[in-house]
Amino acid sequence: MSKIETPSAKELQDLDGGGTVAIKPEREVAAEDPAIIGTSPTDTGEDLPNWADTAIPSTLKIPSGRTVVVMKFRAEWTDTPHKGDRTCVLWNLSCGDIKIANERGGDNGFNTMIERAKKMVRAIDGLEVDYSGRNPAANLQTWWTEIGEKCRVLIQSHYSRSHSLDTAERIDFLAHCVVARTNLPTG
């Protein structure tokens, strides 16, 4: 069996056979997103900015090994600019989280994707999300409405990116992690 080589970015060409396609590392893509900061102090050797540090409630129980993302939405981007800048803390979904989000989304695939993005949000404006209704300031649905579509799309985009392989990972998967065989009848 011949070895399949993963093409380099320089070797990849677009469908028209024209210029090359450069693969940008996910870290660079995230760094260009104005709503996403470096998610770990060890990534840069620096502490989190004060706004990100205060966005994470001290009572929030973060699962071991999870990458935590903190987003800040400037007041003028939201539908309620009089409430000031808004923040959220999120991490990737577990199988249980997906099940809950799917149930909330019902039979509508579009709603299910929105519910999955919302389920990633674990804290809002420095408060743990409260599904019980006891703390109106921590009500995710109210916050989700108030941040507006510009900011909701950023969370949905992050959901899609963080739950998918990036381009380099997909190339590696297709080149090294998939095999196929045809089982032809004998004789």
Protein backbone atom coordinates (compact mmCIF):
# COMPACT_ATOMS: atom_id res chain seq x y z
CA MET A 1 0.00 0.00 0.00
CA SER A 2 1.40 3.41 -0.89
CA LYS A 3 1.90 6.09 1.73
CA ILE A 4 -0.39 9.11 1.42
CA GLU A 5 1.45 12.38 1.85
CA THR A 6 -0.24 15.41 3.39
CA PRO A 7 0.22 18.35 1.02
CA SER A 8 1.79 21.48 2.38
CA ALA A 9 -0.04 24.80 2.18
CA LYS A 10 2.17 25.75 -0.76
CA GLU A 11 1.15 22.59 -2.61
CA LEU A 12 -2.56 23.14 -2.17
CA GLN A 13 -4.16 24.93 -5.08
CA ASP A 14 -7.65 26.27 -5.45
CA LEU A 15 -10.18 24.58 -7.73
CA ASP A 16 -9.30 26.83 -10.66
CA GLY A 17 -5.67 25.73 -10.49
CA GLY A 18 -4.63 29.29 -9.69
CA GLY A 19 -2.92 30.57 -6.58
CA THR A 20 -2.06 28.61 -3.49
CA VAL A 21 -4.24 28.26 -0.44
CA ALA A 22 -2.57 29.18 2.82
CA ILE A 23 -3.66 27.33 5.93
CA LYS A 24 -3.91 29.68 8.87
CA PRO A 25 -3.48 28.10 12.31
CA GLU A 26 -6.59 28.22 14.52
CA ARG A 27 -4.67 30.29 17.10
CA GLU A 28 -4.16 33.04 14.48
CA VAL A 29 -7.81 32.91 13.44
CA ALA A 30 -8.91 33.26 17.08
CA ALA A 31 -6.46 36.11 17.67
CA GLU A 32 -8.10 38.06 14.84
CA ASP A 33 -11.60 37.64 16.29
CA PRO A 34 -12.28 40.80 18.33
CA ALA A 35 -14.56 38.93 20.74
CA ILE A 36 -12.14 36.15 21.66
CA ILE A 37 -9.08 36.54 23.84
CA GLY A 38 -6.27 34.09 24.57
CA THR A 39 -7.99 31.52 26.71
CA SER A 40 -5.15 30.54 29.01
CA PRO A 41 -2.60 32.67 30.83
CA THR A 42 0.01 30.08 29.89
CA ASP A 43 -0.63 30.73 26.18
CA THR A 44 1.06 34.12 26.38
CA GLY A 45 2.77 34.01 29.75
CA GLU A 46 0.54 36.89 30.88
CA ASP A 47 -2.47 37.11 33.17
CA LEU A 48 -5.96 37.58 31.78
CA PRO A 49 -7.07 41.17 31.28
CA ASN A 50 -9.04 42.51 34.25
CA TRP A 51 -12.37 42.45 32.35
CA ALA A 52 -11.88 38.74 31.54
CA ASP A 53 -10.81 37.89 35.06
CA THR A 54 -13.90 39.55 36.56
CA ALA A 55 -16.15 37.81 34.01
CA ILE A 56 -15.30 34.42 35.54
CA PRO A 57 -17.29 33.92 38.77
CA SER A 58 -15.23 32.49 41.63
CA THR A 59 -17.96 29.86 42.17
CA LEU A 60 -17.87 28.60 38.57
CA LYS A 61 -16.81 24.96 38.49
CA ILE A 62 -14.74 24.49 35.35
CA PRO A 63 -14.25 20.84 34.31
CA SER A 64 -10.65 19.68 34.45
CA GLY A 65 -8.80 20.03 31.17
CA ARG A 66 -11.39 22.30 29.54
CA THR A 67 -10.33 25.34 27.59
CA VAL A 68 -12.28 28.33 28.83
CA VAL A 69 -13.09 31.19 26.48
CA VAL A 70 -14.07 34.64 27.70
CA MET A 71 -15.82 37.02 25.31
CA LYS A 72 -16.54 40.71 25.73
CA PHE A 73 -19.14 42.49 23.64
CA ARG A 74 -18.78 46.24 23.50
CA ALA A 75 -21.93 48.09 24.53
CA GLU A 76 -22.42 49.66 21.11
CA TRP A 77 -22.55 46.19 19.46
CA THR A 78 -25.47 45.09 21.64
CA ASP A 79 -29.20 45.85 21.49
CA THR A 80 -28.97 47.32 25.01
CA PRO A 81 -25.97 49.68 24.92
CA HIS A 82 -27.20 51.47 28.08
CA LYS A 83 -26.26 48.31 30.03
CA GLY A 84 -22.57 48.69 29.11
CA ASP A 85 -20.15 46.05 27.87
CA ARG A 86 -21.36 42.47 28.29
CA THR A 87 -19.28 39.35 28.93
CA CYS A 88 -19.67 35.60 28.82
CA VAL A 89 -17.62 32.57 29.77
CA LEU A 90 -17.95 29.42 27.75
CA TRP A 91 -16.42 26.04 27.04
CA ASN A 92 -17.12 23.15 24.68
CA LEU A 93 -20.13 20.92 25.11
CA SER A 94 -20.20 17.49 26.71
CA CYS A 95 -22.47 14.73 25.39
CA GLY A 96 -24.97 15.60 28.14
CA ASP A 97 -24.90 19.28 27.15
CA ILE A 98 -25.63 18.34 23.52
CA LYS A 99 -28.57 16.18 24.57
CA ILE A 100 -30.10 19.04 26.58
CA ALA A 101 -29.54 21.54 23.74
CA ASN A 102 -31.03 19.15 21.19
CA GLU A 103 -34.15 18.73 23.34
CA ARG A 104 -34.49 22.51 23.62
CA GLY A 105 -34.08 22.89 19.85
CA GLY A 106 -36.86 20.42 19.06
CA ASP A 107 -37.17 19.11 15.54
CA ASN A 108 -35.71 22.25 13.96
CA GLY A 109 -32.02 21.86 12.98
CA PHE A 110 -31.43 25.62 12.92
CA ASN A 111 -32.87 26.05 16.43
CA THR A 112 -30.79 23.10 17.64
CA MET A 113 -27.57 24.80 16.51
CA ILE A 114 -28.57 28.01 18.29
CA GLU A 115 -29.39 26.06 21.46
CA ARG A 116 -26.00 24.32 21.30
CA ALA A 117 -24.23 27.68 21.05
CA LYS A 118 -26.28 28.99 23.98
CA LYS A 119 -25.50 25.88 26.03
CA MET A 120 -21.78 26.68 25.77
CA VAL A 121 -22.38 29.87 27.79
CA ARG A 122 -21.65 29.09 31.46
CA ALA A 123 -21.49 32.61 32.94
CA ILE A 124 -22.80 36.00 31.88
CA ASP A 125 -21.66 39.40 33.10
CA GLY A 126 -19.71 37.81 35.96
CA LEU A 127 -22.59 35.58 37.15
CA GLU A 128 -23.11 31.85 36.72
CA VAL A 129 -26.00 31.17 34.35
CA ASP A 130 -29.14 30.47 36.41
CA TYR A 131 -31.72 28.18 34.84
CA SER A 132 -33.87 28.10 38.00
CA GLY A 133 -35.24 31.64 37.60
CA ARG A 134 -34.10 32.69 41.09
CA ASN A 135 -31.58 35.23 39.76
CA PRO A 136 -33.04 37.34 36.90
CA ALA A 137 -29.64 39.03 36.34
CA ALA A 138 -28.20 35.61 35.42
CA ASN A 139 -31.04 34.58 33.08
CA LEU A 140 -29.44 33.35 29.86
CA GLN A 141 -32.47 33.95 27.64
CA THR A 142 -32.78 37.59 28.76
CA TRP A 143 -29.04 38.14 28.29
CA TRP A 144 -29.14 36.39 24.87
CA THR A 145 -31.89 38.76 23.73
CA GLU A 146 -30.15 41.85 25.11
CA ILE A 147 -26.78 41.22 23.43
CA GLY A 148 -28.43 41.28 20.00
CA GLU A 149 -27.79 39.42 16.78
CA LYS A 150 -24.31 40.88 16.11
CA CYS A 151 -23.01 39.35 19.33
CA ARG A 152 -25.08 36.15 19.14
CA VAL A 153 -23.52 35.39 15.76
CA LEU A 154 -20.04 35.61 17.33
CA ILE A 155 -20.99 32.94 19.87
CA GLN A 156 -22.56 30.77 17.17
CA SER A 157 -19.45 31.16 15.03
CA HIS A 158 -17.25 30.19 17.96
CA TYR A 159 -19.45 27.13 18.56
CA SER A 160 -18.99 26.01 14.95
CA ARG A 161 -15.23 26.55 14.98
CA SER A 162 -14.59 25.01 18.37
CA HIS A 163 -16.57 21.87 17.62
CA SER A 164 -14.99 21.21 14.21
CA LEU A 165 -11.56 20.25 12.96
CA ASP A 166 -9.61 23.10 11.40
CA THR A 167 -8.33 22.82 7.83
CA ALA A 168 -4.96 21.29 8.74
CA GLU A 169 -6.66 18.76 11.03
CA ARG A 170 -9.16 17.79 8.29
CA ILE A 171 -6.32 17.28 5.80
CA ASP A 172 -4.48 15.11 8.32
CA PHE A 173 -7.68 13.14 9.01
CA LEU A 174 -8.38 12.51 5.32
CA ALA A 175 -4.75 11.71 4.53
CA HIS A 176 -3.87 9.53 7.52
CA CYS A 177 -6.96 8.47 9.43
CA VAL A 178 -9.39 7.06 6.84
CA VAL A 179 -9.04 3.89 4.79
CA ALA A 180 -11.51 2.30 2.39
CA ARG A 181 -11.70 -1.11 0.81
CA THR A 182 -14.07 -2.62 -1.72
CA ASN A 183 -15.17 -6.12 -0.93
CA LEU A 184 -15.58 -7.75 -4.36
CA PRO A 185 -17.24 -11.14 -4.68
CA THR A 186 -14.84 -13.97 -5.45
CA GLY A 187 -14.87 -16.03 -8.55
